[in-house]
Each structure stands twice: as C-alpha cells, then as structure tokens.
Amino acid sequence: MIERELTVTNQLGLHARATARLVQLLSGYGCSATLAAKGREVNAKSIMGVMLLAAGRGTKVLLRVDGEDEQACADAVAALFERGFDENP
C-alpha cells in the first residue's frame, strides 16, 4: 500500500469536472484507491464519494492506493494534483 499527502491546488477545488478527471484517470488502474480528508475516507473511484469530501483549494487529502499497479497509479494521481487538474492558467 502507498500513501501520499496531496494538496488541492486548482482554483475551484474538487468540483465536478476535476473529480470526473480524477475518477477517469483512476478507472485505468486495477488497484484500489481511497481519498481521505476532513475526517472522511471515500472510494476515490466514485464521483459521488470524492464530491462528498468538499475539498476546496488548499485542502490536504491523503491518497491510499493498494494493488498490482499502485506505484504507477499514485504517480499519475500526484501529477494530476500538481498540474491543478489542468485547470490553472
């Protein structure tokens, strides 16, 4: 299992479009993935689950991935967060 703390950097936080990008990215990996923030932990492959985190800009989230391709998955998700979900100017 890999855990990484990530910071939401895009202006609008984990809103619908950013969440959809995250879930779409994760759907390409066989490992399980969860996100934890504000005392909640959700299935990161679920749009509704991720939206329930209500993670705005600056929120720190903990990504947990576990499975055969966990390293590649963690790296890809970290890169997506670092790029601000390709939304920041």
PDB file of N, CA and C in Angstrom:
ATOM      1  N   MET A   1       0.837  -1.179   0.000  1.00  0.00           N
ATOM      2  CA  MET A   1       0.000   0.000   0.000  1.00  0.00           C
ATOM      3  C   MET A   1       0.883   1.244   0.000  1.00  0.00           C
ATOM      4  N   ILE A   2       0.466   2.225  -0.777  1.00  0.00           N
ATOM      5  CA  ILE A   2       1.172   3.502  -0.860  1.00  0.00           C
ATOM      6  C   ILE A   2       0.239   4.591  -0.362  1.00  0.00           C
ATOM      7  N   GLU A   3       0.775   5.490   0.453  1.00  0.00           N
ATOM      8  CA  GLU A   3       0.024   6.657   0.915  1.00  0.00           C
ATOM      9  C   GLU A   3       0.782   7.914   0.502  1.00  0.00           C
ATOM     10  N   ARG A   4       0.038   8.889   0.021  1.00  0.00           N
ATOM     11  CA  ARG A   4       0.636  10.178  -0.340  1.00  0.00           C
ATOM     12  C   ARG A   4      -0.283  11.299   0.082  1.00  0.00           C
ATOM     13  N   GLU A   5       0.296  12.316   0.687  1.00  0.00           N
ATOM     14  CA  GLU A   5      -0.486  13.504   1.007  1.00  0.00           C
ATOM     15  C   GLU A   5      -0.396  14.459  -0.177  1.00  0.00           C
ATOM     16  N   LEU A   6      -1.540  14.870  -0.662  1.00  0.00           N
ATOM     17  CA  LEU A   6      -1.626  15.756  -1.816  1.00  0.00           C
ATOM     18  C   LEU A   6      -2.393  17.006  -1.430  1.00  0.00           C
ATOM     19  N   THR A   7      -2.096  18.110  -2.107  1.00  0.00           N
ATOM     20  CA  THR A   7      -2.803  19.364  -1.853  1.00  0.00           C
ATOM     21  C   THR A   7      -3.602  19.739  -3.085  1.00  0.00           C
ATOM     22  N   VAL A   8      -4.851  20.092  -2.870  1.00  0.00           N
ATOM     23  CA  VAL A   8      -5.714  20.551  -3.959  1.00  0.00           C
ATOM     24  C   VAL A   8      -5.258  21.964  -4.331  1.00  0.00           C
ATOM     25  N   THR A   9      -4.812  22.152  -5.566  1.00  0.00           N
ATOM     26  CA  THR A   9      -4.245  23.441  -5.965  1.00  0.00           C
ATOM     27  C   THR A   9      -5.080  24.206  -6.981  1.00  0.00           C
ATOM     28  N   ASN A  10      -6.035  23.547  -7.602  1.00  0.00           N
ATOM     29  CA  ASN A  10      -6.820  24.259  -8.612  1.00  0.00           C
ATOM     30  C   ASN A  10      -7.809  25.206  -7.934  1.00  0.00           C
ATOM     31  N   GLN A  11      -8.182  26.258  -8.630  1.00  0.00           N
ATOM     32  CA  GLN A  11      -8.990  27.339  -8.078  1.00  0.00           C
ATOM     33  C   GLN A  11     -10.304  26.871  -7.454  1.00  0.00           C
ATOM     34  N   LEU A  12     -11.007  25.965  -8.101  1.00  0.00           N
ATOM     35  CA  LEU A  12     -12.332  25.559  -7.650  1.00  0.00           C
ATOM     36  C   LEU A  12     -12.342  24.303  -6.782  1.00  0.00           C
ATOM     37  N   GLY A  13     -11.179  23.738  -6.505  1.00  0.00           N
ATOM     38  CA  GLY A  13     -11.122  22.541  -5.675  1.00  0.00           C
ATOM     39  C   GLY A  13     -11.625  21.314  -6.418  1.00  0.00           C
ATOM     40  N   LEU A  14     -12.038  20.319  -5.657  1.00  0.00           N
ATOM     41  CA  LEU A  14     -12.519  19.075  -6.272  1.00  0.00           C
ATOM     42  C   LEU A  14     -13.995  19.217  -6.641  1.00  0.00           C
ATOM     43  N   HIS A  15     -14.248  20.044  -7.625  1.00  0.00           N
ATOM     44  CA  HIS A  15     -15.601  20.224  -8.156  1.00  0.00           C
ATOM     45  C   HIS A  15     -15.870  19.123  -9.174  1.00  0.00           C
ATOM     46  N   ALA A  16     -17.005  19.177  -9.836  1.00  0.00           N
ATOM     47  CA  ALA A  16     -17.438  18.077 -10.708  1.00  0.00           C
ATOM     48  C   ALA A  16     -16.437  17.746 -11.816  1.00  0.00           C
ATOM     49  N   ARG A  17     -15.929  18.744 -12.509  1.00  0.00           N
ATOM     50  CA  ARG A  17     -15.024  18.474 -13.635  1.00  0.00           C
ATOM     51  C   ARG A  17     -13.708  17.870 -13.159  1.00  0.00           C
ATOM     52  N   ALA A  18     -13.141  18.436 -12.095  1.00  0.00           N
ATOM     53  CA  ALA A  18     -11.879  17.910 -11.561  1.00  0.00           C
ATOM     54  C   ALA A  18     -12.070  16.490 -11.023  1.00  0.00           C
ATOM     55  N   THR A  19     -13.180  16.272 -10.344  1.00  0.00           N
ATOM     56  CA  THR A  19     -13.470  14.939  -9.814  1.00  0.00           C
ATOM     57  C   THR A  19     -13.641  13.932 -10.943  1.00  0.00           C
ATOM     58  N   ALA A  20     -14.319  14.329 -12.003  1.00  0.00           N
ATOM     59  CA  ALA A  20     -14.504  13.433 -13.146  1.00  0.00           C
ATOM     60  C   ALA A  20     -13.152  13.067 -13.762  1.00  0.00           C
ATOM     61  N   ARG A  21     -12.245  14.036 -13.848  1.00  0.00           N
ATOM     62  CA  ARG A  21     -10.899  13.738 -14.385  1.00  0.00           C
ATOM     63  C   ARG A  21     -10.172  12.740 -13.504  1.00  0.00           C
ATOM     64  N   LEU A  22     -10.273  12.942 -12.199  1.00  0.00           N
ATOM     65  CA  LEU A  22      -9.614  12.041 -11.258  1.00  0.00           C
ATOM     66  C   LEU A  22     -10.172  10.626 -11.381  1.00  0.00           C
ATOM     67  N   VAL A  23     -11.487  10.501 -11.384  1.00  0.00           N
ATOM     68  CA  VAL A  23     -12.121   9.183 -11.461  1.00  0.00           C
ATOM     69  C   VAL A  23     -11.815   8.507 -12.792  1.00  0.00           C
ATOM     70  N   GLN A  24     -11.799   9.281 -13.864  1.00  0.00           N
ATOM     71  CA  GLN A  24     -11.472   8.721 -15.178  1.00  0.00           C
ATOM     72  C   GLN A  24     -10.033   8.193 -15.185  1.00  0.00           C
ATOM     73  N   LEU A  25      -9.122   8.947 -14.612  1.00  0.00           N
ATOM     74  CA  LEU A  25      -7.727   8.504 -14.523  1.00  0.00           C
ATOM     75  C   LEU A  25      -7.626   7.217 -13.712  1.00  0.00           C
ATOM     76  N   LEU A  26      -8.272   7.199 -12.558  1.00  0.00           N
ATOM     77  CA  LEU A  26      -8.198   6.030 -11.680  1.00  0.00           C
ATOM     78  C   LEU A  26      -8.842   4.791 -12.286  1.00  0.00           C
ATOM     79  N   SER A  27      -9.827   4.971 -13.146  1.00  0.00           N
ATOM     80  CA  SER A  27     -10.508   3.817 -13.735  1.00  0.00           C
ATOM     81  C   SER A  27      -9.575   2.987 -14.616  1.00  0.00           C
ATOM     82  N   GLY A  28      -8.455   3.552 -15.026  1.00  0.00           N
ATOM     83  CA  GLY A  28      -7.496   2.829 -15.839  1.00  0.00           C
ATOM     84  C   GLY A  28      -6.539   1.953 -15.039  1.00  0.00           C
ATOM     85  N   TYR A  29      -6.688   1.967 -13.729  1.00  0.00           N
ATOM     86  CA  TYR A  29      -5.792   1.191 -12.865  1.00  0.00           C
ATOM     87  C   TYR A  29      -6.580   0.123 -12.114  1.00  0.00           C
ATOM     88  N   GLY A  30      -5.947  -1.012 -11.882  1.00  0.00           N
ATOM     89  CA  GLY A  30      -6.612  -2.120 -11.212  1.00  0.00           C
ATOM     90  C   GLY A  30      -6.564  -2.043  -9.700  1.00  0.00           C
ATOM     91  N   CYS A  31      -5.714  -1.196  -9.159  1.00  0.00           N
ATOM     92  CA  CYS A  31      -5.587  -1.114  -7.709  1.00  0.00           C
ATOM     93  C   CYS A  31      -6.780  -0.389  -7.095  1.00  0.00           C
ATOM     94  N   SER A  32      -6.966  -0.597  -5.806  1.00  0.00           N
ATOM     95  CA  SER A  32      -7.997   0.156  -5.092  1.00  0.00           C
ATOM     96  C   SER A  32      -7.418   1.513  -4.720  1.00  0.00           C
ATOM     97  N   ALA A  33      -8.291   2.514  -4.594  1.00  0.00           N
ATOM     98  CA  ALA A  33      -7.836   3.866  -4.273  1.00  0.00           C
ATOM     99  C   ALA A  33      -8.860   4.546  -3.377  1.00  0.00           C
ATOM    100  N   THR A  34      -8.363   5.183  -2.326  1.00  0.00           N
ATOM    101  CA  THR A  34      -9.224   5.962  -1.454  1.00  0.00           C
ATOM    102  C   THR A  34      -8.615   7.338  -1.254  1.00  0.00           C
ATOM    103  N   LEU A  35      -9.470   8.304  -0.938  1.00  0.00           N
ATOM    104  CA  LEU A  35      -9.039   9.646  -0.565  1.00  0.00           C
ATOM    105  C   LEU A  35      -9.611   9.939   0.814  1.00  0.00           C
ATOM    106  N   ALA A  36      -8.811  10.549   1.654  1.00  0.00           N
ATOM    107  CA  ALA A  36      -9.267  10.921   2.998  1.00  0.00           C
ATOM    108  C   ALA A  36      -8.988  12.403   3.216  1.00  0.00           C
ATOM    109  N   ALA A  37      -9.990  13.086   3.781  1.00  0.00           N
ATOM    110  CA  ALA A  37      -9.859  14.494   4.134  1.00  0.00           C
ATOM    111  C   ALA A  37     -10.972  14.855   5.092  1.00  0.00           C
ATOM    112  N   LYS A  38     -10.695  15.790   5.978  1.00  0.00           N
ATOM    113  CA  LYS A  38     -11.708  16.313   6.895  1.00  0.00           C
ATOM    114  C   LYS A  38     -12.418  15.204   7.683  1.00  0.00           C
ATOM    115  N   GLY A  39     -11.679  14.169   8.058  1.00  0.00           N
ATOM    116  CA  GLY A  39     -12.254  13.097   8.845  1.00  0.00           C
ATOM    117  C   GLY A  39     -13.078  12.084   8.068  1.00  0.00           C
ATOM    118  N   ARG A  40     -13.082  12.189   6.749  1.00  0.00           N
ATOM    119  CA  ARG A  40     -13.821  11.233   5.904  1.00  0.00           C
ATOM    120  C   ARG A  40     -12.859  10.495   5.009  1.00  0.00           C
ATOM    121  N   GLU A  41     -13.202   9.252   4.705  1.00  0.00           N
ATOM    122  CA  GLU A  41     -12.438   8.479   3.727  1.00  0.00           C
ATOM    123  C   GLU A  41     -13.427   7.904   2.725  1.00  0.00           C
ATOM    124  N   VAL A  42     -13.135   8.113   1.428  1.00  0.00           N
ATOM    125  CA  VAL A  42     -14.068   7.699   0.384  1.00  0.00           C
ATOM    126  C   VAL A  42     -13.333   6.914  -0.700  1.00  0.00           C
ATOM    127  N   ASN A  43     -14.109   6.153  -1.452  1.00  0.00           N
ATOM    128  CA  ASN A  43     -13.593   5.451  -2.621  1.00  0.00           C
ATOM    129  C   ASN A  43     -13.251   6.508  -3.672  1.00  0.00           C
ATOM    130  N   ALA A  44     -11.990   6.604  -4.040  1.00  0.00           N
ATOM    131  CA  ALA A  44     -11.554   7.628  -4.984  1.00  0.00           C
ATOM    132  C   ALA A  44     -12.010   7.343  -6.411  1.00  0.00           C
ATOM    133  N   LYS A  45     -12.553   6.163  -6.660  1.00  0.00           N
ATOM    134  CA  LYS A  45     -13.061   5.831  -7.994  1.00  0.00           C
ATOM    135  C   LYS A  45     -14.552   6.149  -8.113  1.00  0.00           C
ATOM    136  N   SER A  46     -15.103   6.785  -7.098  1.00  0.00           N
ATOM    137  CA  SER A  46     -16.516   7.148  -7.079  1.00  0.00           C
ATOM    138  C   SER A  46     -16.664   8.664  -7.156  1.00  0.00           C
ATOM    139  N   ILE A  47     -17.310   9.151  -8.206  1.00  0.00           N
ATOM    140  CA  ILE A  47     -17.506  10.603  -8.343  1.00  0.00           C
ATOM    141  C   ILE A  47     -18.246  11.155  -7.130  1.00  0.00           C
ATOM    142  N   MET A  48     -19.330  10.502  -6.747  1.00  0.00           N
ATOM    143  CA  MET A  48     -20.113  10.994  -5.604  1.00  0.00           C
ATOM    144  C   MET A  48     -19.299  10.969  -4.319  1.00  0.00           C
ATOM    145  N   GLY A  49     -18.512   9.932  -4.135  1.00  0.00           N
ATOM    146  CA  GLY A  49     -17.687   9.847  -2.943  1.00  0.00           C
ATOM    147  C   GLY A  49     -16.696  10.991  -2.856  1.00  0.00           C
ATOM    148  N   VAL A  50     -15.991  11.248  -3.942  1.00  0.00           N
ATOM    149  CA  VAL A  50     -14.992  12.316  -3.954  1.00  0.00           C
ATOM    150  C   VAL A  50     -15.666  13.674  -3.771  1.00  0.00           C
ATOM    151  N   MET A  51     -16.821  13.873  -4.397  1.00  0.00           N
ATOM    152  CA  MET A  51     -17.535  15.143  -4.250  1.00  0.00           C
ATOM    153  C   MET A  51     -17.942  15.377  -2.793  1.00  0.00           C
ATOM    154  N   LEU A  52     -18.252  14.298  -2.062  1.00  0.00           N
ATOM    155  CA  LEU A  52     -18.647  14.432  -0.660  1.00  0.00           C
ATOM    156  C   LEU A  52     -17.531  14.976   0.228  1.00  0.00           C
ATOM    157  N   LEU A  53     -16.294  14.879  -0.222  1.00  0.00           N
ATOM    158  CA  LEU A  53     -15.189  15.428   0.556  1.00  0.00           C
ATOM    159  C   LEU A  53     -15.248  16.955   0.611  1.00  0.00           C
ATOM    160  N   ALA A  54     -15.876  17.568  -0.385  1.00  0.00           N
ATOM    161  CA  ALA A  54     -15.977  19.033  -0.451  1.00  0.00           C
ATOM    162  C   ALA A  54     -14.604  19.668  -0.235  1.00  0.00           C
ATOM    163  N   ALA A  55     -13.624  19.172  -0.954  1.00  0.00           N
ATOM    164  CA  ALA A  55     -12.240  19.615  -0.792  1.00  0.00           C
ATOM    165  C   ALA A  55     -11.972  20.841  -1.657  1.00  0.00           C
ATOM    166  N   GLY A  56     -11.882  21.980  -1.020  1.00  0.00           N
ATOM    167  CA  GLY A  56     -11.592  23.221  -1.723  1.00  0.00           C
ATOM    168  C   GLY A  56     -10.099  23.414  -1.909  1.00  0.00           C
ATOM    169  N   ARG A  57      -9.761  24.507  -2.567  1.00  0.00           N
ATOM    170  CA  ARG A  57      -8.358  24.837  -2.808  1.00  0.00           C
ATOM    171  C   ARG A  57      -7.606  24.902  -1.486  1.00  0.00           C
ATOM    172  N   GLY A  58      -6.438  24.284  -1.456  1.00  0.00           N
ATOM    173  CA  GLY A  58      -5.602  24.272  -0.269  1.00  0.00           C
ATOM    174  C   GLY A  58      -5.842  23.095   0.659  1.00  0.00           C
ATOM    175  N   THR A  59      -6.900  22.343   0.410  1.00  0.00           N
ATOM    176  CA  THR A  59      -7.196  21.175   1.247  1.00  0.00           C
ATOM    177  C   THR A  59      -6.139  20.094   1.027  1.00  0.00           C
ATOM    178  N   LYS A  60      -5.685  19.523   2.118  1.00  0.00           N
ATOM    179  CA  LYS A  60      -4.754  18.395   2.039  1.00  0.00           C
ATOM    180  C   LYS A  60      -5.570  17.113   2.089  1.00  0.00           C
ATOM    181  N   VAL A  61      -5.308  16.226   1.145  1.00  0.00           N
ATOM    182  CA  VAL A  61      -6.000  14.938   1.103  1.00  0.00           C
ATOM    183  C   VAL A  61      -4.950  13.825   1.145  1.00  0.00           C
ATOM    184  N   LEU A  62      -5.347  12.708   1.707  1.00  0.00           N
ATOM    185  CA  LEU A  62      -4.459  11.553   1.775  1.00  0.00           C
ATOM    186  C   LEU A  62      -4.938  10.523   0.766  1.00  0.00           C
ATOM    187  N   LEU A  63      -4.087  10.223  -0.195  1.00  0.00           N
ATOM    188  CA  LEU A  63      -4.372   9.201  -1.201  1.00  0.00           C
ATOM    189  C   LEU A  63      -3.798   7.884  -0.716  1.00  0.00           C
ATOM    190  N   ARG A  64      -4.610   6.839  -0.761  1.00  0.00           N
ATOM    191  CA  ARG A  64      -4.142   5.482  -0.452  1.00  0.00           C
ATOM    192  C   ARG A  64      -4.448   4.600  -1.647  1.00  0.00           C
ATOM    193  N   VAL A  65      -3.435   3.950  -2.172  1.00  0.00           N
ATOM    194  CA  VAL A  65      -3.625   3.013  -3.276  1.00  0.00           C
ATOM    195  C   VAL A  65      -3.024   1.670  -2.874  1.00  0.00           C
ATOM    196  N   ASP A  66      -3.688   0.604  -3.296  1.00  0.00           N
ATOM    197  CA  ASP A  66      -3.230  -0.728  -2.924  1.00  0.00           C
ATOM    198  C   ASP A  66      -3.560  -1.693  -4.053  1.00  0.00           C
ATOM    199  N   GLY A  67      -2.538  -2.350  -4.568  1.00  0.00           N
ATOM    200  CA  GLY A  67      -2.759  -3.319  -5.630  1.00  0.00           C
ATOM    201  C   GLY A  67      -1.570  -3.423  -6.559  1.00  0.00           C
ATOM    202  N   GLU A  68      -1.779  -4.160  -7.630  1.00  0.00           N
ATOM    203  CA  GLU A  68      -0.679  -4.508  -8.531  1.00  0.00           C
ATOM    204  C   GLU A  68       0.004  -3.313  -9.193  1.00  0.00           C
ATOM    205  N   ASP A  69      -0.746  -2.273  -9.542  1.00  0.00           N
ATOM    206  CA  ASP A  69      -0.151  -1.126 -10.244  1.00  0.00           C
ATOM    207  C   ASP A  69      -0.186   0.137  -9.388  1.00  0.00           C
ATOM    208  N   GLU A  70      -0.054  -0.051  -8.075  1.00  0.00           N
ATOM    209  CA  GLU A  70      -0.202   1.066  -7.140  1.00  0.00           C
ATOM    210  C   GLU A  70       0.817   2.181  -7.354  1.00  0.00           C
ATOM    211  N   GLN A  71       2.051   1.854  -7.676  1.00  0.00           N
ATOM    212  CA  GLN A  71       3.075   2.901  -7.845  1.00  0.00           C
ATOM    213  C   GLN A  71       2.744   3.795  -9.033  1.00  0.00           C
ATOM    214  N   ALA A  72       2.417   3.189 -10.158  1.00  0.00           N
ATOM    215  CA  ALA A  72       2.069   3.974 -11.350  1.00  0.00           C
ATOM    216  C   ALA A  72       0.827   4.813 -11.095  1.00  0.00           C
ATOM    217  N   CYS A  73      -0.138   4.260 -10.392  1.00  0.00           N
ATOM    218  CA  CYS A  73      -1.369   4.970 -10.074  1.00  0.00           C
ATOM    219  C   CYS A  73      -1.083   6.170  -9.171  1.00  0.00           C
ATOM    220  N   ALA A  74      -0.330   5.956  -8.109  1.00  0.00           N
ATOM    221  CA  ALA A  74      -0.003   7.042  -7.179  1.00  0.00           C
ATOM    222  C   ALA A  74       0.743   8.160  -7.886  1.00  0.00           C
ATOM    223  N   ASP A  75       1.676   7.798  -8.762  1.00  0.00           N
ATOM    224  CA  ASP A  75       2.434   8.798  -9.508  1.00  0.00           C
ATOM    225  C   ASP A  75       1.528   9.601 -10.437  1.00  0.00           C
ATOM    226  N   ALA A  76       0.610   8.930 -11.124  1.00  0.00           N
ATOM    227  CA  ALA A  76      -0.292   9.604 -12.059  1.00  0.00           C
ATOM    228  C   ALA A  76      -1.243  10.543 -11.325  1.00  0.00           C
ATOM    229  N   VAL A  77      -1.766  10.109 -10.188  1.00  0.00           N
ATOM    230  CA  VAL A  77      -2.681  10.965  -9.415  1.00  0.00           C
ATOM    231  C   VAL A  77      -1.925  12.164  -8.850  1.00  0.00           C
ATOM    232  N   ALA A  78      -0.736  11.946  -8.336  1.00  0.00           N
ATOM    233  CA  ALA A  78       0.067  13.053  -7.812  1.00  0.00           C
ATOM    234  C   ALA A  78       0.351  14.079  -8.905  1.00  0.00           C
ATOM    235  N   ALA A  79       0.660  13.612 -10.097  1.00  0.00           N
ATOM    236  CA  ALA A  79       0.918  14.529 -11.214  1.00  0.00           C
ATOM    237  C   ALA A  79      -0.337  15.324 -11.571  1.00  0.00           C
ATOM    238  N   LEU A  80      -1.491  14.673 -11.545  1.00  0.00           N
ATOM    239  CA  LEU A  80      -2.754  15.364 -11.838  1.00  0.00           C
ATOM    240  C   LEU A  80      -3.007  16.469 -10.821  1.00  0.00           C
ATOM    241  N   PHE A  81      -2.809  16.177  -9.548  1.00  0.00           N
ATOM    242  CA  PHE A  81      -2.980  17.189  -8.498  1.00  0.00           C
ATOM    243  C   PHE A  81      -1.979  18.326  -8.692  1.00  0.00           C
ATOM    244  N   GLU A  82      -0.714  17.997  -8.987  1.00  0.00           N
ATOM    245  CA  GLU A  82       0.329  19.011  -9.160  1.00  0.00           C
ATOM    246  C   GLU A  82       0.026  19.932 -10.332  1.00  0.00           C
ATOM    247  N   ARG A  83      -0.612  19.402 -11.365  1.00  0.00           N
ATOM    248  CA  ARG A  83      -0.974  20.218 -12.541  1.00  0.00           C
ATOM    249  C   ARG A  83      -2.261  20.998 -12.319  1.00  0.00           C
ATOM    250  N   GLY A  84      -2.840  20.886 -11.150  1.00  0.00           N
ATOM    251  CA  GLY A  84      -4.094  21.580 -10.875  1.00  0.00           C
ATOM    252  C   GLY A  84      -5.223  21.090 -11.750  1.00  0.00           C
ATOM    253  N   PHE A  85      -5.206  19.793 -12.058  1.00  0.00           N
ATOM    254  CA  PHE A  85      -6.230  19.163 -12.893  1.00  0.00           C
ATOM    255  C   PHE A  85      -6.301  19.821 -14.278  1.00  0.00           C
ATOM    256  N   ASP A  86      -5.169  20.414 -14.683  1.00  0.00           N
ATOM    257  CA  ASP A  86      -5.037  21.107 -15.974  1.00  0.00           C
ATOM    258  C   ASP A  86      -6.012  22.277 -16.095  1.00  0.00           C
ATOM    259  N   GLU A  87      -6.377  22.880 -14.961  1.00  0.00           N
ATOM    260  CA  GLU A  87      -7.331  23.994 -14.968  1.00  0.00           C
ATOM    261  C   GLU A  87      -6.695  25.340 -14.695  1.00  0.00           C
ATOM    262  N   ASN A  88      -5.564  25.355 -13.974  1.00  0.00           N
ATOM    263  CA  ASN A  88      -4.952  26.637 -13.606  1.00  0.00           C
ATOM    264  C   ASN A  88      -4.326  27.287 -14.823  1.00  0.00           C
ATOM    265  N   PRO A  89      -4.462  28.596 -14.909  1.00  0.00           N
ATOM    266  CA  PRO A  89      -3.870  29.309 -16.061  1.00  0.00           C
ATOM    267  C   PRO A  89      -2.360  29.301 -16.036  1.00  0.00           C
TER     268      PRO A  89
END
